[in-house]
Each structure stands twice: as C-alpha cells, then as structure tokens.
Amino acid sequence: MDSYEVLAGWRTHIALFDRIVKLTLNKTAEQREVGTDVRSNTTDERQGAKPSE
C-alpha cells in the first residue's frame, strides 16, 4: 500500500465523517425549529430503557 492509497483512504473517512456531522447538525436544527426537545432523542430512550436521573 503506497502513500497515495493511504491518503485516499483518509480522505474517504474524513468525507464520510463530515457528511454524518452535517446531517446530525441539520437534524437537531430542524428539531429546534419544530420545538421538540433535542435531548429527548437519545439511544437509550429509543430502545425503551428508562433515562437515569
């Protein structure tokens, strides 16, 4: 594996991460506009677990 392949792999990973972050930020911004609580959308609550207090 030469340096070009390594750089191409890193660019792909960075591009995917950047896209995920942008989609997440857009989703939370839409939830704020609607007026829902962004914090209520957690993995534990979606799976049916009770949130810890």
Protein backbone atom coordinates (compact mmCIF):
# COMPACT_ATOMS: atom_id res chain seq x y z
CA MET A 1 0.00 0.00 0.00
CA ASP A 2 1.61 3.22 -1.10
CA SER A 3 1.14 6.68 0.36
CA TYR A 4 -1.44 7.66 -2.29
CA GLU A 5 -3.74 4.80 -1.23
CA VAL A 6 -3.36 5.77 2.43
CA LEU A 7 -4.23 9.40 1.68
CA ALA A 8 -7.19 8.37 -0.46
CA GLY A 9 -8.48 6.19 2.38
CA TRP A 10 -8.17 9.02 4.89
CA ARG A 11 -9.94 11.44 2.54
CA THR A 12 -12.83 8.97 2.23
CA HIS A 13 -13.09 8.59 6.01
CA ILE A 14 -12.98 12.35 6.56
CA ALA A 15 -15.63 12.94 3.89
CA LEU A 16 -17.96 10.37 5.45
CA PHE A 17 -17.44 11.80 8.94
CA ASP A 18 -18.06 15.33 7.64
CA ARG A 19 -21.31 14.23 5.99
CA ILE A 20 -22.53 12.49 9.17
CA VAL A 21 -21.79 15.59 11.25
CA LYS A 22 -23.61 17.87 8.79
CA LEU A 23 -26.66 15.59 8.70
CA THR A 24 -26.73 15.41 12.50
CA LEU A 25 -26.49 19.18 12.85
CA ASN A 26 -29.27 19.66 10.29
CA LYS A 27 -31.49 17.19 12.15
CA THR A 28 -31.01 18.91 15.51
CA ALA A 29 -31.61 22.32 13.90
CA GLU A 30 -34.89 21.05 12.42
CA GLN A 31 -35.95 19.70 15.82
CA ARG A 32 -35.26 23.07 17.42
CA GLU A 33 -37.40 24.79 14.77
CA VAL A 34 -40.27 22.39 15.44
CA GLY A 35 -39.88 22.93 19.18
CA THR A 36 -39.10 19.38 20.27
CA ASP A 37 -36.51 18.71 22.93
CA VAL A 38 -33.30 17.66 21.19
CA ARG A 39 -32.05 15.93 24.34
CA SER A 40 -35.02 13.54 24.36
CA ASN A 41 -33.74 11.82 21.21
CA THR A 42 -31.18 9.54 22.85
CA THR A 43 -30.30 5.95 22.05
CA ASP A 44 -31.38 4.67 25.48
CA GLU A 45 -34.86 6.15 25.20
CA ARG A 46 -35.36 4.82 21.67
CA GLN A 47 -34.50 1.33 22.90
CA GLY A 48 -37.04 1.55 25.68
CA ALA A 49 -34.66 1.98 28.61
CA LYS A 50 -35.62 4.43 31.31
CA PRO A 51 -33.38 7.50 31.45
CA SER A 52 -31.22 7.72 34.54
CA GLU A 53 -31.93 10.61 36.87
